[in-house]
């Protein structure tokens, strides 16, 4: 097999910097979900990988790609593990991540992008604990809307997913990032937001990404506007929320807020630099600078991004 299909990049991401992706299922989609918003072709959800690339081949591909980038003078921030599907279905994940870390240049973080469905499995947790950053998706904790948006394998239940996330969060010492992807009319009402907030606020999350569809998907879906996403995100008080800008999202009118309004908003939900650029007028940004200078606000780094928070 062509090892170039296993790795891809480098890619520049606002959230993770320069990355070299690792695809653990390069030949076909293999996932225990068939999400409405998936960019891949529709495929029946499966509970194990039927087409398994040998760990030796994956490790060889990673080493070769890193060497090529080094010769070209290209530096990386992160090595993300993903799949045409769900990476935790890969049966040799622990071996691959452990072996890769032996030759990974210092300063490059390891990342896995998962749907979080198998965090309850001991062997999966063993592999996940090897990563510097674990990102999981949780689009709904209501069984009905979960099945509508994520279209999981018949044996997957949201209660087990929740238990696995809670269990893993208690032992993981790296950066834990959650993600919610919203589909209009499916999982975007504020009641669902409050359910998710009550669950996630008890978990040690470094960051929560909330977004919507921004590329063509396998199934018919409708994205949310920026205003709708912002309204949903406002429920998550005290959690560092990042709102990725999408091409489909409408750019809101820039708001001019007074200093007390800015402090009130940021006390409710920390804002990223991207949020401020997207939402605040030039005058409000000047007020932000003054609040930083006066010691009322401060930039803090969490989940690999900078957020503006109330200075304690």
C-alpha atoms as a PDB file:
ATOM      1  CA  UNK A   1       0.000   0.000   0.000  1.00  0.00           C
ATOM      2  CA  UNK A   2       1.142   3.561  -0.755  1.00  0.00           C
ATOM      3  CA  UNK A   3       2.154   4.973   2.648  1.00  0.00           C
ATOM      4  CA  UNK A   4       1.460   8.493   1.380  1.00  0.00           C
ATOM      5  CA  UNK A   5      -2.244   7.743   1.812  1.00  0.00           C
ATOM      6  CA  UNK A   6      -1.754   7.159   5.545  1.00  0.00           C
ATOM      7  CA  UNK A   7      -0.373  10.615   6.297  1.00  0.00           C
ATOM      8  CA  UNK A   8      -1.624  13.942   4.952  1.00  0.00           C
ATOM      9  CA  UNK A   9      -0.520  17.521   5.285  1.00  0.00           C
ATOM     10  CA  UNK A  10       0.992  19.610   6.606  1.00  0.00           C
ATOM     11  CA  UNK A  11      -2.243  21.459   7.346  1.00  0.00           C
ATOM     12  CA  UNK A  12      -2.582  24.812   9.086  1.00  0.00           C
ATOM     13  CA  UNK A  13      -5.372  24.950  11.660  1.00  0.00           C
ATOM     14  CA  UNK A  14      -6.426  27.930  13.776  1.00  0.00           C
ATOM     15  CA  UNK A  15      -7.126  25.563  16.658  1.00  0.00           C
ATOM     16  CA  UNK A  16      -4.034  23.346  16.532  1.00  0.00           C
ATOM     17  CA  UNK A  17      -1.401  25.089  14.416  1.00  0.00           C
ATOM     18  CA  UNK A  18       0.696  23.187  11.845  1.00  0.00           C
ATOM     19  CA  UNK A  19      -0.214  19.509  11.749  1.00  0.00           C
ATOM     20  CA  UNK A  20       0.569  16.266   9.923  1.00  0.00           C
ATOM     21  CA  UNK A  21      -2.504  14.043   9.886  1.00  0.00           C
ATOM     22  CA  UNK A  22      -2.451  10.270  10.350  1.00  0.00           C
ATOM     23  CA  UNK A  23      -5.347   8.316   8.806  1.00  0.00           C
ATOM     24  CA  UNK A  24      -5.826   4.935  10.493  1.00  0.00           C
ATOM     25  CA  UNK A  25      -8.372   3.850   7.864  1.00  0.00           C
ATOM     26  CA  UNK A  26      -7.081   5.242   4.560  1.00  0.00           C
ATOM     27  CA  UNK A  27      -8.778   2.739   2.255  1.00  0.00           C
ATOM     28  CA  UNK A  28     -12.438   3.069   3.274  1.00  0.00           C
ATOM     29  CA  UNK A  29     -14.868   4.672   5.718  1.00  0.00           C
ATOM     30  CA  UNK A  30     -15.012   2.573   8.881  1.00  0.00           C
ATOM     31  CA  UNK A  31     -17.059   4.137  11.655  1.00  0.00           C
ATOM     32  CA  UNK A  32     -19.571   3.213  14.330  1.00  0.00           C
ATOM     33  CA  UNK A  33     -21.483   6.403  13.438  1.00  0.00           C
ATOM     34  CA  UNK A  34     -22.900   7.589  10.111  1.00  0.00           C
ATOM     35  CA  UNK A  35     -23.385  11.227  11.078  1.00  0.00           C
ATOM     36  CA  UNK A  36     -25.760  13.499   9.214  1.00  0.00           C
ATOM     37  CA  UNK A  37     -22.957  16.023   8.757  1.00  0.00           C
ATOM     38  CA  UNK A  38     -20.217  13.571   7.722  1.00  0.00           C
ATOM     39  CA  UNK A  39     -18.255  14.715   4.670  1.00  0.00           C
ATOM     40  CA  UNK A  40     -17.566  11.122   3.604  1.00  0.00           C
ATOM     41  CA  UNK A  41     -19.908   8.921   1.605  1.00  0.00           C
ATOM     42  CA  UNK A  42     -22.770   7.372   3.595  1.00  0.00           C
ATOM     43  CA  UNK A  43     -21.857   3.968   5.025  1.00  0.00           C
ATOM     44  CA  UNK A  44     -23.511   1.567   7.414  1.00  0.00           C
ATOM     45  CA  UNK A  45     -22.234   2.048  10.963  1.00  0.00           C
ATOM     46  CA  UNK A  46     -19.971  -0.807  12.077  1.00  0.00           C
ATOM     47  CA  UNK A  47     -18.648  -1.829  15.474  1.00  0.00           C
ATOM     48  CA  UNK A  48     -15.162  -2.920  14.361  1.00  0.00           C
ATOM     49  CA  UNK A  49     -12.668  -2.281  11.555  1.00  0.00           C
ATOM     50  CA  UNK A  50     -12.862  -4.892   8.812  1.00  0.00           C
ATOM     51  CA  UNK A  51      -9.959  -3.531   6.776  1.00  0.00           C
ATOM     52  CA  UNK A  52      -7.012  -3.120   9.162  1.00  0.00           C
ATOM     53  CA  UNK A  53      -3.691  -1.603   8.072  1.00  0.00           C
ATOM     54  CA  UNK A  54      -0.756  -3.165   9.914  1.00  0.00           C
ATOM     55  CA  UNK A  55       0.715  -1.039  12.709  1.00  0.00           C
ATOM     56  CA  UNK A  56       4.168  -1.438  11.179  1.00  0.00           C
ATOM     57  CA  UNK A  57       3.011   0.183   7.948  1.00  0.00           C
ATOM     58  CA  UNK A  58       1.429   3.107   9.781  1.00  0.00           C
ATOM     59  CA  UNK A  59       4.517   3.669  11.933  1.00  0.00           C
ATOM     60  CA  UNK A  60       6.716   3.520   8.822  1.00  0.00           C
ATOM     61  CA  UNK A  61       4.514   6.080   7.068  1.00  0.00           C
ATOM     62  CA  UNK A  62       4.653   8.486  10.020  1.00  0.00           C
ATOM     63  CA  UNK A  63       8.434   8.209  10.303  1.00  0.00           C
ATOM     64  CA  UNK A  64       8.915   8.763   6.565  1.00  0.00           C
ATOM     65  CA  UNK A  65       6.600  11.778   6.468  1.00  0.00           C
ATOM     66  CA  UNK A  66       8.299  13.387   9.463  1.00  0.00           C
ATOM     67  CA  UNK A  67      11.708  12.862   7.872  1.00  0.00           C
ATOM     68  CA  UNK A  68      10.550  14.445   4.605  1.00  0.00           C
ATOM     69  CA  UNK A  69       9.179  17.482   6.426  1.00  0.00           C
ATOM     70  CA  UNK A  70      12.379  17.803   8.426  1.00  0.00           C
ATOM     71  CA  UNK A  71      14.451  17.804   5.223  1.00  0.00           C
ATOM     72  CA  UNK A  72      12.201  20.524   3.823  1.00  0.00           C
ATOM     73  CA  UNK A  73      12.632  22.587   6.986  1.00  0.00           C
ATOM     74  CA  UNK A  74       8.942  22.406   7.877  1.00  0.00           C
ATOM     75  CA  UNK A  75       8.122  22.354  11.586  1.00  0.00           C
ATOM     76  CA  UNK A  76       4.971  20.939  13.163  1.00  0.00           C
ATOM     77  CA  UNK A  77       2.929  21.701  16.252  1.00  0.00           C
ATOM     78  CA  UNK A  78       0.804  18.593  16.430  1.00  0.00           C
ATOM     79  CA  UNK A  79       0.436  15.047  15.076  1.00  0.00           C
ATOM     80  CA  UNK A  80      -3.315  14.300  14.905  1.00  0.00           C
ATOM     81  CA  UNK A  81      -4.609  10.738  14.608  1.00  0.00           C
ATOM     82  CA  UNK A  82      -7.905  10.404  12.781  1.00  0.00           C
ATOM     83  CA  UNK A  83      -9.559   8.032  10.330  1.00  0.00           C
ATOM     84  CA  UNK A  84     -12.041   7.760   7.522  1.00  0.00           C
ATOM     85  CA  UNK A  85     -14.328   6.985  10.421  1.00  0.00           C
ATOM     86  CA  UNK A  86     -13.547   6.442  14.103  1.00  0.00           C
ATOM     87  CA  UNK A  87      -9.847   6.063  15.099  1.00  0.00           C
ATOM     88  CA  UNK A  88     -10.549   4.240  18.383  1.00  0.00           C
ATOM     89  CA  UNK A  89     -11.907   1.324  16.335  1.00  0.00           C
ATOM     90  CA  UNK A  90      -8.337   0.702  15.154  1.00  0.00           C
ATOM     91  CA  UNK A  91      -7.224  -2.397  17.129  1.00  0.00           C
ATOM     92  CA  UNK A  92      -3.514  -1.495  17.341  1.00  0.00           C
ATOM     93  CA  UNK A  93      -3.889   2.116  18.461  1.00  0.00           C
ATOM     94  CA  UNK A  94      -1.841   1.733  21.655  1.00  0.00           C
ATOM     95  CA  UNK A  95       1.081   0.175  19.785  1.00  0.00           C
ATOM     96  CA  UNK A  96       1.064   2.821  17.064  1.00  0.00           C
ATOM     97  CA  UNK A  97       0.977   5.817  19.401  1.00  0.00           C
ATOM     98  CA  UNK A  98       3.645   4.399  21.723  1.00  0.00           C
ATOM     99  CA  UNK A  99       6.018   3.558  18.881  1.00  0.00           C
ATOM    100  CA  UNK A 100       5.441   6.895  17.160  1.00  0.00           C
ATOM    101  CA  UNK A 101       6.278   8.844  20.309  1.00  0.00           C
ATOM    102  CA  UNK A 102       9.721   7.223  20.372  1.00  0.00           C
ATOM    103  CA  UNK A 103      10.850   9.127  17.269  1.00  0.00           C
ATOM    104  CA  UNK A 104       8.530  12.134  17.392  1.00  0.00           C
ATOM    105  CA  UNK A 105      10.580  15.366  17.550  1.00  0.00           C
ATOM    106  CA  UNK A 106      10.415  17.238  20.825  1.00  0.00           C
ATOM    107  CA  UNK A 107       7.723  19.882  20.946  1.00  0.00           C
ATOM    108  CA  UNK A 108       5.232  18.108  18.682  1.00  0.00           C
ATOM    109  CA  UNK A 109       2.054  17.212  20.548  1.00  0.00           C
ATOM    110  CA  UNK A 110       0.003  14.103  19.829  1.00  0.00           C
ATOM    111  CA  UNK A 111      -3.734  14.496  19.250  1.00  0.00           C
ATOM    112  CA  UNK A 112      -6.623  12.125  18.592  1.00  0.00           C
ATOM    113  CA  UNK A 113      -9.949  13.195  17.087  1.00  0.00           C
ATOM    114  CA  UNK A 114     -12.650  10.815  18.312  1.00  0.00           C
ATOM    115  CA  UNK A 115     -16.418  10.599  18.508  1.00  0.00           C
ATOM    116  CA  UNK A 116     -16.078   9.546  22.157  1.00  0.00           C
ATOM    117  CA  UNK A 117     -18.229   6.448  21.750  1.00  0.00           C
ATOM    118  CA  UNK A 118     -15.717   3.917  23.084  1.00  0.00           C
ATOM    119  CA  UNK A 119     -14.151   5.791  26.002  1.00  0.00           C
ATOM    120  CA  UNK A 120     -15.747   3.256  28.359  1.00  0.00           C
ATOM    121  CA  UNK A 121     -13.523   0.461  26.990  1.00  0.00           C
ATOM    122  CA  UNK A 122     -10.396  -0.233  29.042  1.00  0.00           C
ATOM    123  CA  UNK A 123      -8.220  -0.892  25.982  1.00  0.00           C
ATOM    124  CA  UNK A 124      -9.357   2.372  24.391  1.00  0.00           C
ATOM    125  CA  UNK A 125      -8.619   4.359  27.544  1.00  0.00           C
ATOM    126  CA  UNK A 126      -5.164   2.752  27.662  1.00  0.00           C
ATOM    127  CA  UNK A 127      -4.438   4.128  24.193  1.00  0.00           C
ATOM    128  CA  UNK A 128      -6.006   7.534  24.830  1.00  0.00           C
ATOM    129  CA  UNK A 129      -3.865   8.081  27.921  1.00  0.00           C
ATOM    130  CA  UNK A 130      -0.798   8.092  25.644  1.00  0.00           C
ATOM    131  CA  UNK A 131      -1.951  11.258  23.851  1.00  0.00           C
ATOM    132  CA  UNK A 132      -1.183  14.859  24.800  1.00  0.00           C
ATOM    133  CA  UNK A 133      -4.561  16.084  23.525  1.00  0.00           C
ATOM    134  CA  UNK A 134      -7.824  14.171  23.256  1.00  0.00           C
ATOM    135  CA  UNK A 135     -10.731  15.728  21.403  1.00  0.00           C
ATOM    136  CA  UNK A 136     -14.144  14.075  21.498  1.00  0.00           C
ATOM    137  CA  UNK A 137     -17.487  14.968  19.973  1.00  0.00           C
ATOM    138  CA  UNK A 138     -20.759  14.984  21.875  1.00  0.00           C
ATOM    139  CA  UNK A 139     -23.553  16.382  19.738  1.00  0.00           C
ATOM    140  CA  UNK A 140     -26.412  15.498  22.088  1.00  0.00           C
ATOM    141  CA  UNK A 141     -27.036  13.552  25.285  1.00  0.00           C
ATOM    142  CA  UNK A 142     -30.693  13.034  24.441  1.00  0.00           C
ATOM    143  CA  UNK A 143     -31.069   9.521  22.996  1.00  0.00           C
ATOM    144  CA  UNK A 144     -33.542  10.540  20.305  1.00  0.00           C
ATOM    145  CA  UNK A 145     -31.638  13.527  18.917  1.00  0.00           C
ATOM    146  CA  UNK A 146     -28.328  11.648  19.349  1.00  0.00           C
ATOM    147  CA  UNK A 147     -29.622   8.900  17.048  1.00  0.00           C
ATOM    148  CA  UNK A 148     -30.914  11.475  14.567  1.00  0.00           C
ATOM    149  CA  UNK A 149     -27.692  13.457  14.249  1.00  0.00           C
ATOM    150  CA  UNK A 150     -25.012  10.773  14.779  1.00  0.00           C
ATOM    151  CA  UNK A 151     -26.835   7.695  13.400  1.00  0.00           C
ATOM    152  CA  UNK A 152     -24.837   5.268  15.584  1.00  0.00           C
ATOM    153  CA  UNK A 153     -24.414   1.498  15.397  1.00  0.00           C
ATOM    154  CA  UNK A 154     -27.444  -0.180  16.956  1.00  0.00           C
ATOM    155  CA  UNK A 155     -25.516  -1.315  20.057  1.00  0.00           C
ATOM    156  CA  UNK A 156     -24.297   2.178  21.002  1.00  0.00           C
ATOM    157  CA  UNK A 157     -26.242   3.983  23.733  1.00  0.00           C
ATOM    158  CA  UNK A 158     -25.714   7.554  24.909  1.00  0.00           C
ATOM    159  CA  UNK A 159     -25.696   6.504  28.582  1.00  0.00           C
ATOM    160  CA  UNK A 160     -22.609   4.371  27.988  1.00  0.00           C
ATOM    161  CA  UNK A 161     -20.901   7.165  26.074  1.00  0.00           C
ATOM    162  CA  UNK A 162     -21.516   9.592  28.944  1.00  0.00           C
ATOM    163  CA  UNK A 163     -20.166   7.110  31.495  1.00  0.00           C
ATOM    164  CA  UNK A 164     -17.047   6.555  29.390  1.00  0.00           C
ATOM    165  CA  UNK A 165     -16.335  10.269  29.015  1.00  0.00           C
ATOM    166  CA  UNK A 166     -16.744  10.858  32.757  1.00  0.00           C
ATOM    167  CA  UNK A 167     -14.505   7.884  33.583  1.00  0.00           C
ATOM    168  CA  UNK A 168     -11.773   8.956  31.167  1.00  0.00           C
ATOM    169  CA  UNK A 169     -11.849  12.609  32.225  1.00  0.00           C
ATOM    170  CA  UNK A 170     -11.074  11.575  35.801  1.00  0.00           C
ATOM    171  CA  UNK A 171      -7.769   9.911  34.874  1.00  0.00           C
ATOM    172  CA  UNK A 172      -6.546  11.862  31.835  1.00  0.00           C
ATOM    173  CA  UNK A 173      -3.808  14.390  32.599  1.00  0.00           C
ATOM    174  CA  UNK A 174      -3.501  15.947  29.142  1.00  0.00           C
ATOM    175  CA  UNK A 175      -5.670  18.517  27.391  1.00  0.00           C
ATOM    176  CA  UNK A 176      -9.285  17.422  26.989  1.00  0.00           C
ATOM    177  CA  UNK A 177     -11.362  19.171  24.334  1.00  0.00           C
ATOM    178  CA  UNK A 178     -15.031  18.634  23.568  1.00  0.00           C
ATOM    179  CA  UNK A 179     -16.876  19.454  20.376  1.00  0.00           C
ATOM    180  CA  UNK A 180     -20.539  19.944  19.535  1.00  0.00           C
ATOM    181  CA  UNK A 181     -21.577  20.132  15.887  1.00  0.00           C
ATOM    182  CA  UNK A 182     -25.040  21.559  15.369  1.00  0.00           C
ATOM    183  CA  UNK A 183     -27.546  20.679  12.666  1.00  0.00           C
ATOM    184  CA  UNK A 184     -30.509  22.995  12.273  1.00  0.00           C
ATOM    185  CA  UNK A 185     -33.732  21.476  13.564  1.00  0.00           C
ATOM    186  CA  UNK A 186     -32.027  18.383  14.961  1.00  0.00           C
ATOM    187  CA  UNK A 187     -29.868  19.136  18.017  1.00  0.00           C
ATOM    188  CA  UNK A 188     -29.816  22.927  18.221  1.00  0.00           C
ATOM    189  CA  UNK A 189     -32.606  23.885  20.627  1.00  0.00           C
ATOM    190  CA  UNK A 190     -31.671  25.545  23.913  1.00  0.00           C
ATOM    191  CA  UNK A 191     -33.151  22.737  25.998  1.00  0.00           C
ATOM    192  CA  UNK A 192     -30.577  20.384  24.470  1.00  0.00           C
ATOM    193  CA  UNK A 193     -27.890  22.992  25.101  1.00  0.00           C
ATOM    194  CA  UNK A 194     -28.763  23.118  28.795  1.00  0.00           C
ATOM    195  CA  UNK A 195     -28.668  19.306  29.010  1.00  0.00           C
ATOM    196  CA  UNK A 196     -25.185  19.271  27.504  1.00  0.00           C
ATOM    197  CA  UNK A 197     -24.035  22.100  29.746  1.00  0.00           C
ATOM    198  CA  UNK A 198     -25.149  20.321  32.922  1.00  0.00           C
ATOM    199  CA  UNK A 199     -23.179  17.256  31.851  1.00  0.00           C
ATOM    200  CA  UNK A 200     -20.038  19.000  30.582  1.00  0.00           C
ATOM    201  CA  UNK A 201     -19.641  21.512  33.415  1.00  0.00           C
ATOM    202  CA  UNK A 202     -18.796  18.632  35.773  1.00  0.00           C
ATOM    203  CA  UNK A 203     -15.952  17.463  33.502  1.00  0.00           C
ATOM    204  CA  UNK A 204     -12.486  19.002  33.431  1.00  0.00           C
ATOM    205  CA  UNK A 205     -12.655  20.396  29.904  1.00  0.00           C
ATOM    206  CA  UNK A 206      -9.857  22.614  28.624  1.00  0.00           C
ATOM    207  CA  UNK A 207     -11.983  23.828  25.741  1.00  0.00           C
ATOM    208  CA  UNK A 208     -15.322  23.276  24.039  1.00  0.00           C
ATOM    209  CA  UNK A 209     -15.702  23.854  20.296  1.00  0.00           C
ATOM    210  CA  UNK A 210     -19.227  24.584  19.062  1.00  0.00           C
ATOM    211  CA  UNK A 211     -19.828  24.782  15.331  1.00  0.00           C
ATOM    212  CA  UNK A 212     -22.043  23.783  12.447  1.00  0.00           C
ATOM    213  CA  UNK A 213     -21.771  22.281   8.982  1.00  0.00           C
ATOM    214  CA  UNK A 214     -19.308  24.144   6.780  1.00  0.00           C
ATOM    215  CA  UNK A 215     -18.615  21.619   3.996  1.00  0.00           C
ATOM    216  CA  UNK A 216     -20.891  19.520   1.780  1.00  0.00           C
ATOM    217  CA  UNK A 217     -22.170  16.545   3.795  1.00  0.00           C
ATOM    218  CA  UNK A 218     -23.283  13.057   2.825  1.00  0.00           C
ATOM    219  CA  UNK A 219     -26.849  13.718   3.965  1.00  0.00           C
ATOM    220  CA  UNK A 220     -29.179  16.675   3.519  1.00  0.00           C
ATOM    221  CA  UNK A 221     -28.481  19.107   6.363  1.00  0.00           C
ATOM    222  CA  UNK A 222     -28.911  22.773   7.184  1.00  0.00           C
ATOM    223  CA  UNK A 223     -26.226  24.802   9.010  1.00  0.00           C
ATOM    224  CA  UNK A 224     -26.869  27.360  11.740  1.00  0.00           C
ATOM    225  CA  UNK A 225     -26.133  31.054  11.435  1.00  0.00           C
ATOM    226  CA  UNK A 226     -23.422  32.649  13.551  1.00  0.00           C
ATOM    227  CA  UNK A 227     -26.105  34.287  15.693  1.00  0.00           C
ATOM    228  CA  UNK A 228     -27.804  30.938  16.331  1.00  0.00           C
ATOM    229  CA  UNK A 229     -24.519  29.304  17.324  1.00  0.00           C
ATOM    230  CA  UNK A 230     -23.714  32.221  19.624  1.00  0.00           C
ATOM    231  CA  UNK A 231     -27.127  31.891  21.284  1.00  0.00           C
ATOM    232  CA  UNK A 232     -26.537  28.160  21.832  1.00  0.00           C
ATOM    233  CA  UNK A 233     -23.007  28.773  23.168  1.00  0.00           C
ATOM    234  CA  UNK A 234     -24.209  31.374  25.678  1.00  0.00           C
ATOM    235  CA  UNK A 235     -25.678  28.534  27.740  1.00  0.00           C
ATOM    236  CA  UNK A 236     -22.194  27.176  28.558  1.00  0.00           C
ATOM    237  CA  UNK A 237     -21.349  29.575  31.363  1.00  0.00           C
ATOM    238  CA  UNK A 238     -17.795  29.389  32.683  1.00  0.00           C
ATOM    239  CA  UNK A 239     -16.554  27.004  29.968  1.00  0.00           C
ATOM    240  CA  UNK A 240     -13.924  28.192  27.459  1.00  0.00           C
ATOM    241  CA  UNK A 241     -15.917  27.961  24.227  1.00  0.00           C
ATOM    242  CA  UNK A 242     -14.439  28.392  20.755  1.00  0.00           C
ATOM    243  CA  UNK A 243     -16.765  29.155  17.848  1.00  0.00           C
ATOM    244  CA  UNK A 244     -15.133  28.270  14.519  1.00  0.00           C
ATOM    245  CA  UNK A 245     -15.998  30.724  11.762  1.00  0.00           C
ATOM    246  CA  UNK A 246     -17.694  29.030   8.804  1.00  0.00           C
ATOM    247  CA  UNK A 247     -18.166  30.209   5.258  1.00  0.00           C
ATOM    248  CA  UNK A 248     -21.901  29.540   5.418  1.00  0.00           C
ATOM    249  CA  UNK A 249     -22.405  31.378   8.695  1.00  0.00           C
ATOM    250  CA  UNK A 250     -23.658  34.916   8.398  1.00  0.00           C
ATOM    251  CA  UNK A 251     -21.360  37.605   9.720  1.00  0.00           C
ATOM    252  CA  UNK A 252     -23.171  39.371  12.565  1.00  0.00           C
ATOM    253  CA  UNK A 253     -23.282  43.114  13.068  1.00  0.00           C
ATOM    254  CA  UNK A 254     -20.272  44.109  15.131  1.00  0.00           C
ATOM    255  CA  UNK A 255     -21.448  45.122  18.572  1.00  0.00           C
ATOM    256  CA  UNK A 256     -20.306  48.123  20.564  1.00  0.00           C
ATOM    257  CA  UNK A 257     -20.377  47.176  24.236  1.00  0.00           C
ATOM    258  CA  UNK A 258     -19.453  49.331  27.202  1.00  0.00           C
ATOM    259  CA  UNK A 259     -16.850  48.174  29.701  1.00  0.00           C
ATOM    260  CA  UNK A 260     -19.382  46.869  32.212  1.00  0.00           C
ATOM    261  CA  UNK A 261     -21.155  44.939  29.448  1.00  0.00           C
ATOM    262  CA  UNK A 262     -17.854  43.427  28.297  1.00  0.00           C
ATOM    263  CA  UNK A 263     -16.983  42.342  31.842  1.00  0.00           C
ATOM    264  CA  UNK A 264     -20.436  40.843  32.296  1.00  0.00           C
ATOM    265  CA  UNK A 265     -20.232  38.911  29.038  1.00  0.00           C
ATOM    266  CA  UNK A 266     -16.738  37.543  29.670  1.00  0.00           C
ATOM    267  CA  UNK A 267     -17.606  36.610  33.253  1.00  0.00           C
ATOM    268  CA  UNK A 268     -20.406  34.540  31.761  1.00  0.00           C
ATOM    269  CA  UNK A 269     -18.282  32.923  29.023  1.00  0.00           C
ATOM    270  CA  UNK A 270     -14.574  33.471  28.231  1.00  0.00           C
ATOM    271  CA  UNK A 271     -13.967  34.660  24.659  1.00  0.00           C
ATOM    272  CA  UNK A 272     -11.203  33.734  22.230  1.00  0.00           C
ATOM    273  CA  UNK A 273      -9.352  36.296  20.117  1.00  0.00           C
ATOM    274  CA  UNK A 274     -11.319  35.013  17.146  1.00  0.00           C
ATOM    275  CA  UNK A 275     -14.609  35.589  18.980  1.00  0.00           C
ATOM    276  CA  UNK A 276     -13.652  39.171  19.788  1.00  0.00           C
ATOM    277  CA  UNK A 277     -12.595  39.902  16.199  1.00  0.00           C
ATOM    278  CA  UNK A 278     -15.863  38.439  14.934  1.00  0.00           C
ATOM    279  CA  UNK A 279     -18.221  40.041  17.431  1.00  0.00           C
ATOM    280  CA  UNK A 280     -16.772  43.302  18.775  1.00  0.00           C
ATOM    281  CA  UNK A 281     -16.610  46.713  17.145  1.00  0.00           C
ATOM    282  CA  UNK A 282     -13.388  48.733  17.024  1.00  0.00           C
ATOM    283  CA  UNK A 283     -14.552  50.781  20.024  1.00  0.00           C
ATOM    284  CA  UNK A 284     -15.293  47.654  22.065  1.00  0.00           C
ATOM    285  CA  UNK A 285     -11.842  46.282  21.248  1.00  0.00           C
ATOM    286  CA  UNK A 286     -10.340  49.505  22.609  1.00  0.00           C
ATOM    287  CA  UNK A 287     -12.329  48.989  25.809  1.00  0.00           C
ATOM    288  CA  UNK A 288     -10.985  45.421  25.993  1.00  0.00           C
ATOM    289  CA  UNK A 289      -7.410  46.720  25.758  1.00  0.00           C
ATOM    290  CA  UNK A 290      -8.108  49.211  28.540  1.00  0.00           C
ATOM    291  CA  UNK A 291      -9.617  46.491  30.749  1.00  0.00           C
ATOM    292  CA  UNK A 292      -6.504  44.369  30.223  1.00  0.00           C
ATOM    293  CA  UNK A 293      -4.229  47.298  31.083  1.00  0.00           C
ATOM    294  CA  UNK A 294      -6.232  48.019  34.235  1.00  0.00           C
ATOM    295  CA  UNK A 295      -5.958  44.400  35.363  1.00  0.00           C
ATOM    296  CA  UNK A 296      -9.649  43.535  35.026  1.00  0.00           C
ATOM    297  CA  UNK A 297      -9.115  41.086  32.168  1.00  0.00           C
ATOM    298  CA  UNK A 298      -6.271  38.734  31.257  1.00  0.00           C
ATOM    299  CA  UNK A 299      -5.368  36.391  28.418  1.00  0.00           C
ATOM    300  CA  UNK A 300      -4.956  32.756  29.483  1.00  0.00           C
ATOM    301  CA  UNK A 301      -3.982  29.768  27.360  1.00  0.00           C
ATOM    302  CA  UNK A 302      -6.167  26.684  27.583  1.00  0.00           C
ATOM    303  CA  UNK A 303      -6.734  23.839  25.157  1.00  0.00           C
ATOM    304  CA  UNK A 304      -4.021  25.225  22.876  1.00  0.00           C
ATOM    305  CA  UNK A 305      -5.808  28.571  22.425  1.00  0.00           C
ATOM    306  CA  UNK A 306      -5.866  31.956  24.156  1.00  0.00           C
ATOM    307  CA  UNK A 307      -9.023  33.082  25.918  1.00  0.00           C
ATOM    308  CA  UNK A 308      -9.862  36.372  27.586  1.00  0.00           C
ATOM    309  CA  UNK A 309     -11.062  35.833  31.151  1.00  0.00           C
ATOM    310  CA  UNK A 310     -11.828  37.871  34.241  1.00  0.00           C
ATOM    311  CA  UNK A 311      -8.628  38.380  36.221  1.00  0.00           C
ATOM    312  CA  UNK A 312      -9.032  36.801  39.657  1.00  0.00           C
END
